[in-house]
Amino acid sequence: MADSVGVGLLLNVLFWTVAVLVATGLCSLAAIDWFPGRERKTRSRSPKPRAGVPDTRAQAEGDAASGHYRKAA
């Protein structure tokens, strides 16, 4: 009798643990879909290059890279 009560208690705890984990995972997935992440924001905020306007980021990266090679040589 005591063994069956112990097994029932163990199965009950196991069931509710799995149920809470599944519910938490589903809620997390729903929250991820509901609130867009950083990837979408960075794509939408990136400025589009305009015709006739030089890209200052590319120039800055080129200057930094050339300075790196000068220091190493």
C-alpha atoms as a PDB file:
ATOM      1  CA  MET A   1       0.000   0.000   0.000  1.00  0.00           C
ATOM      2  CA  ALA A   2       2.731   2.460   0.917  1.00  0.00           C
ATOM      3  CA  ASP A   3       4.618   1.560  -2.244  1.00  0.00           C
ATOM      4  CA  SER A   4       1.677   2.423  -4.488  1.00  0.00           C
ATOM      5  CA  VAL A   5       1.213   5.768  -2.724  1.00  0.00           C
ATOM      6  CA  GLY A   6       4.900   6.572  -3.211  1.00  0.00           C
ATOM      7  CA  VAL A   7       4.785   5.651  -6.887  1.00  0.00           C
ATOM      8  CA  GLY A   8       1.623   7.711  -7.346  1.00  0.00           C
ATOM      9  CA  LEU A   9       3.233  10.721  -5.680  1.00  0.00           C
ATOM     10  CA  LEU A  10       6.349  10.362  -7.826  1.00  0.00           C
ATOM     11  CA  LEU A  11       4.287  10.121 -11.010  1.00  0.00           C
ATOM     12  CA  ASN A  12       2.213  13.129  -9.943  1.00  0.00           C
ATOM     13  CA  VAL A  13       5.323  15.251  -9.370  1.00  0.00           C
ATOM     14  CA  LEU A  14       6.809  14.066 -12.658  1.00  0.00           C
ATOM     15  CA  PHE A  15       3.613  14.867 -14.561  1.00  0.00           C
ATOM     16  CA  TRP A  16       3.323  18.403 -13.179  1.00  0.00           C
ATOM     17  CA  THR A  17       7.018  19.076 -13.746  1.00  0.00           C
ATOM     18  CA  VAL A  18       6.711  18.107 -17.406  1.00  0.00           C
ATOM     19  CA  ALA A  19       3.423  20.036 -17.746  1.00  0.00           C
ATOM     20  CA  VAL A  20       4.979  23.229 -16.335  1.00  0.00           C
ATOM     21  CA  LEU A  21       8.081  22.862 -18.522  1.00  0.00           C
ATOM     22  CA  VAL A  22       5.982  22.405 -21.663  1.00  0.00           C
ATOM     23  CA  ALA A  23       3.738  25.359 -20.791  1.00  0.00           C
ATOM     24  CA  THR A  24       6.774  27.560 -20.094  1.00  0.00           C
ATOM     25  CA  GLY A  25       8.377  26.559 -23.385  1.00  0.00           C
ATOM     26  CA  LEU A  26       5.231  27.286 -25.365  1.00  0.00           C
ATOM     27  CA  CYS A  27       4.825  30.662 -23.667  1.00  0.00           C
ATOM     28  CA  SER A  28       8.457  31.480 -24.429  1.00  0.00           C
ATOM     29  CA  LEU A  29       7.993  30.618 -28.095  1.00  0.00           C
ATOM     30  CA  ALA A  30       4.848  32.745 -28.224  1.00  0.00           C
ATOM     31  CA  ALA A  31       6.708  35.664 -26.631  1.00  0.00           C
ATOM     32  CA  ILE A  32       9.561  35.316 -29.118  1.00  0.00           C
ATOM     33  CA  ASP A  33       7.090  35.480 -31.999  1.00  0.00           C
ATOM     34  CA  TRP A  34       5.136  38.347 -30.428  1.00  0.00           C
ATOM     35  CA  PHE A  35       8.167  40.560 -29.659  1.00  0.00           C
ATOM     36  CA  PRO A  36      10.557  40.720 -32.622  1.00  0.00           C
ATOM     37  CA  GLY A  37      14.205  40.285 -31.764  1.00  0.00           C
ATOM     38  CA  ARG A  38      17.242  42.396 -32.472  1.00  0.00           C
ATOM     39  CA  GLU A  39      17.809  40.865 -35.903  1.00  0.00           C
ATOM     40  CA  ARG A  40      14.712  42.420 -37.385  1.00  0.00           C
ATOM     41  CA  LYS A  41      15.374  45.785 -35.750  1.00  0.00           C
ATOM     42  CA  THR A  42      18.922  46.019 -37.019  1.00  0.00           C
ATOM     43  CA  ARG A  43      17.860  45.176 -40.529  1.00  0.00           C
ATOM     44  CA  SER A  44      15.118  47.783 -40.559  1.00  0.00           C
ATOM     45  CA  ARG A  45      17.298  50.487 -38.986  1.00  0.00           C
ATOM     46  CA  SER A  46      20.270  50.081 -41.287  1.00  0.00           C
ATOM     47  CA  PRO A  47      20.485  53.130 -43.554  1.00  0.00           C
ATOM     48  CA  LYS A  48      20.198  52.502 -47.242  1.00  0.00           C
ATOM     49  CA  PRO A  49      23.118  53.835 -49.296  1.00  0.00           C
ATOM     50  CA  ARG A  50      22.193  56.869 -51.329  1.00  0.00           C
ATOM     51  CA  ALA A  51      23.553  57.635 -54.760  1.00  0.00           C
ATOM     52  CA  GLY A  52      26.443  60.103 -54.695  1.00  0.00           C
ATOM     53  CA  VAL A  53      26.995  59.863 -50.927  1.00  0.00           C
ATOM     54  CA  PRO A  54      30.180  58.042 -49.867  1.00  0.00           C
ATOM     55  CA  ASP A  55      29.899  55.271 -47.309  1.00  0.00           C
ATOM     56  CA  THR A  56      31.816  56.554 -44.282  1.00  0.00           C
ATOM     57  CA  ARG A  57      31.719  53.170 -42.525  1.00  0.00           C
ATOM     58  CA  ALA A  58      33.567  51.484 -45.382  1.00  0.00           C
ATOM     59  CA  GLN A  59      36.160  54.261 -45.399  1.00  0.00           C
ATOM     60  CA  ALA A  60      36.630  54.028 -41.633  1.00  0.00           C
ATOM     61  CA  GLU A  61      37.050  50.254 -41.806  1.00  0.00           C
ATOM     62  CA  GLY A  62      39.542  50.623 -44.632  1.00  0.00           C
ATOM     63  CA  ASP A  63      41.540  53.204 -42.680  1.00  0.00           C
ATOM     64  CA  ALA A  64      41.558  51.019 -39.584  1.00  0.00           C
ATOM     65  CA  ALA A  65      42.644  47.982 -41.566  1.00  0.00           C
ATOM     66  CA  SER A  66      45.454  49.840 -43.316  1.00  0.00           C
ATOM     67  CA  GLY A  67      46.625  51.225 -39.957  1.00  0.00           C
ATOM     68  CA  HIS A  68      46.686  47.712 -38.583  1.00  0.00           C
ATOM     69  CA  TYR A  69      48.939  46.550 -41.397  1.00  0.00           C
ATOM     70  CA  ARG A  70      51.234  49.543 -40.965  1.00  0.00           C
ATOM     71  CA  LYS A  71      51.707  48.736 -37.293  1.00  0.00           C
ATOM     72  CA  ALA A  72      52.414  45.080 -37.991  1.00  0.00           C
ATOM     73  CA  ALA A  73      55.011  45.788 -40.671  1.00  0.00           C
END
